[in-house]
C-alpha atoms as a PDB file:
ATOM      1  CA  MET A   1     -15.597  -8.026  -4.888  1.00  0.00           C
ATOM      2  CA  SER A   2     -12.183  -9.391  -4.051  1.00  0.00           C
ATOM      3  CA  PRO A   3      -9.287  -7.017  -3.395  1.00  0.00           C
ATOM      4  CA  ARG A   4      -6.664  -6.502  -6.056  1.00  0.00           C
ATOM      5  CA  ALA A   5      -3.480  -8.504  -5.768  1.00  0.00           C
ATOM      6  CA  ARG A   6      -0.616  -6.830  -3.902  1.00  0.00           C
ATOM      7  CA  GLN A   7       1.664  -6.875  -6.953  1.00  0.00           C
ATOM      8  CA  GLN A   8      -1.014  -5.347  -9.165  1.00  0.00           C
ATOM      9  CA  VAL A   9      -1.456  -2.455  -6.734  1.00  0.00           C
ATOM     10  CA  LEU A  10       2.297  -1.876  -6.510  1.00  0.00           C
ATOM     11  CA  ASP A  11       2.651  -2.131 -10.300  1.00  0.00           C
ATOM     12  CA  ASN A  12      -0.051   0.522 -10.741  1.00  0.00           C
ATOM     13  CA  LEU A  13       1.780   2.868  -8.383  1.00  0.00           C
ATOM     14  CA  ASP A  14       5.008   2.240 -10.276  1.00  0.00           C
ATOM     15  CA  ALA A  15       3.364   2.946 -13.647  1.00  0.00           C
ATOM     16  CA  ILE A  16       1.887   6.242 -12.455  1.00  0.00           C
ATOM     17  CA  TYR A  17       5.181   7.522 -11.069  1.00  0.00           C
ATOM     18  CA  ARG A  18       7.236   6.188 -13.976  1.00  0.00           C
ATOM     19  CA  GLU A  19       5.056   8.085 -16.461  1.00  0.00           C
ATOM     20  CA  ALA A  20       5.369  11.331 -14.490  1.00  0.00           C
ATOM     21  CA  TYR A  21       9.120  10.779 -14.062  1.00  0.00           C
ATOM     22  CA  GLU A  22       9.592  10.274 -17.797  1.00  0.00           C
ATOM     23  CA  ARG A  23       7.709  13.516 -18.529  1.00  0.00           C
ATOM     24  CA  ALA A  24       9.980  15.372 -16.110  1.00  0.00           C
ATOM     25  CA  LYS A  25      13.026  13.727 -17.666  1.00  0.00           C
ATOM     26  CA  VAL A  26      11.993  14.804 -21.183  1.00  0.00           C
ATOM     27  CA  ALA A  27      11.484  18.341 -19.853  1.00  0.00           C
ATOM     28  CA  LYS A  28      14.914  18.128 -18.194  1.00  0.00           C
ATOM     29  CA  ASP A  29      13.315  19.098 -14.883  1.00  0.00           C
ATOM     30  CA  GLU A  30      15.786  17.570 -12.436  1.00  0.00           C
ATOM     31  CA  ARG A  31      14.084  19.065  -9.396  1.00  0.00           C
ATOM     32  CA  ARG A  32      10.767  17.482 -10.393  1.00  0.00           C
ATOM     33  CA  MET A  33      12.537  14.167 -11.010  1.00  0.00           C
ATOM     34  CA  ALA A  34      14.043  14.265  -7.500  1.00  0.00           C
ATOM     35  CA  ASP A  35      10.675  15.209  -5.990  1.00  0.00           C
ATOM     36  CA  LEU A  36       8.955  12.355  -7.819  1.00  0.00           C
ATOM     37  CA  ASP A  37      11.614   9.890  -6.717  1.00  0.00           C
ATOM     38  CA  ALA A  38      11.186  10.873  -3.058  1.00  0.00           C
ATOM     39  CA  ALA A  39       7.396  10.871  -3.350  1.00  0.00           C
ATOM     40  CA  TYR A  40       7.422   7.449  -4.977  1.00  0.00           C
ATOM     41  CA  GLN A  41       9.503   5.960  -2.170  1.00  0.00           C
ATOM     42  CA  ARG A  42       7.226   7.502   0.471  1.00  0.00           C
ATOM     43  CA  GLU A  43       4.029   6.388  -1.268  1.00  0.00           C
ATOM     44  CA  GLN A  44       5.374   2.892  -1.846  1.00  0.00           C
ATOM     45  CA  LEU A  45       6.195   2.498   1.843  1.00  0.00           C
ATOM     46  CA  LEU A  46       2.781   3.776   2.916  1.00  0.00           C
ATOM     47  CA  LEU A  47       1.022   1.559   0.409  1.00  0.00           C
ATOM     48  CA  GLU A  48       2.949  -1.511   1.545  1.00  0.00           C
ATOM     49  CA  VAL A  49       1.957  -0.819   5.167  1.00  0.00           C
ATOM     50  CA  LEU A  50      -1.688  -0.491   4.144  1.00  0.00           C
ATOM     51  CA  LEU A  51      -1.473  -3.708   2.142  1.00  0.00           C
ATOM     52  CA  ASP A  52       0.086  -5.457   5.142  1.00  0.00           C
ATOM     53  CA  ILE A  53      -2.807  -4.268   7.296  1.00  0.00           C
ATOM     54  CA  ARG A  54      -5.299  -5.418   4.660  1.00  0.00           C
ATOM     55  CA  ASP A  55      -3.618  -8.821   4.457  1.00  0.00           C
ATOM     56  CA  ALA A  56      -3.521  -9.180   8.252  1.00  0.00           C
ATOM     57  CA  LEU A  57      -7.185  -8.306   8.563  1.00  0.00           C
ATOM     58  CA  GLY A  58      -8.026 -10.635   5.694  1.00  0.00           C
ATOM     59  CA  ALA A  59      -6.150 -13.487   7.366  1.00  0.00           C
ATOM     60  CA  ARG A  60      -8.200 -12.983  10.508  1.00  0.00           C
ATOM     61  CA  SER A  61     -11.453 -12.967   8.557  1.00  0.00           C
ATOM     62  CA  GLY A  62     -10.379 -16.174   6.817  1.00  0.00           C
ATOM     63  CA  SER A  63     -11.104 -18.051  10.025  1.00  0.00           C
ATOM     64  CA  PRO A  64     -13.940 -20.637  10.203  1.00  0.00           C
ATOM     65  CA  GLU A  65     -16.473 -18.050  11.444  1.00  0.00           C
ATOM     66  CA  LYS A  66     -16.961 -16.587   7.967  1.00  0.00           C
ATOM     67  CA  SER A  67     -20.620 -15.789   8.614  1.00  0.00           C
ATOM     68  CA  SER A  68     -19.843 -13.529  11.586  1.00  0.00           C
ATOM     69  CA  PRO A  69     -19.127  -9.844  10.963  1.00  0.00           C
ATOM     70  CA  PRO A  70     -15.558  -8.584  11.314  1.00  0.00           C
ATOM     71  CA  ASP A  71     -14.497  -7.849  14.868  1.00  0.00           C
ATOM     72  CA  PRO A  72     -13.471  -4.176  15.105  1.00  0.00           C
ATOM     73  CA  VAL A  73     -11.555  -4.755  18.350  1.00  0.00           C
ATOM     74  CA  ALA A  74      -9.514  -7.515  16.720  1.00  0.00           C
ATOM     75  CA  ALA A  75      -8.850  -5.216  13.758  1.00  0.00           C
ATOM     76  CA  LEU A  76      -7.575  -2.488  16.086  1.00  0.00           C
ATOM     77  CA  GLU A  77      -5.366  -5.014  17.888  1.00  0.00           C
ATOM     78  CA  THR A  78      -3.892  -6.107  14.559  1.00  0.00           C
ATOM     79  CA  ILE A  79      -3.149  -2.506  13.594  1.00  0.00           C
ATOM     80  CA  ARG A  80      -1.597  -1.878  17.014  1.00  0.00           C
ATOM     81  CA  ARG A  81       0.683  -4.933  16.661  1.00  0.00           C
ATOM     82  CA  ILE A  82       1.737  -3.886  13.152  1.00  0.00           C
ATOM     83  CA  THR A  83       2.547  -0.326  14.216  1.00  0.00           C
ATOM     84  CA  LYS A  84       4.646  -1.623  17.137  1.00  0.00           C
ATOM     85  CA  LEU A  85       6.962  -3.303  14.609  1.00  0.00           C
ATOM     86  CA  ARG A  86       8.451   0.071  13.651  1.00  0.00           C
END
């Protein structure tokens, strides 16, 4: 099973939050709207980091040694390099 496209994942997140935001807007619940806005931004950032990690690990596994299992040490090194970018 191939992973879902990055944009599809982000669009799903957007749809979920947009629906909840619209419900809060109809209810005139400004506090809930502000909470949802902050939560959406946080979740989007976290999701983008996870997608970056997925893409980086996928790029490594796209090497000619497709029959070999993924290298957990290389995966940890990739995660370490990504987290150093902050």
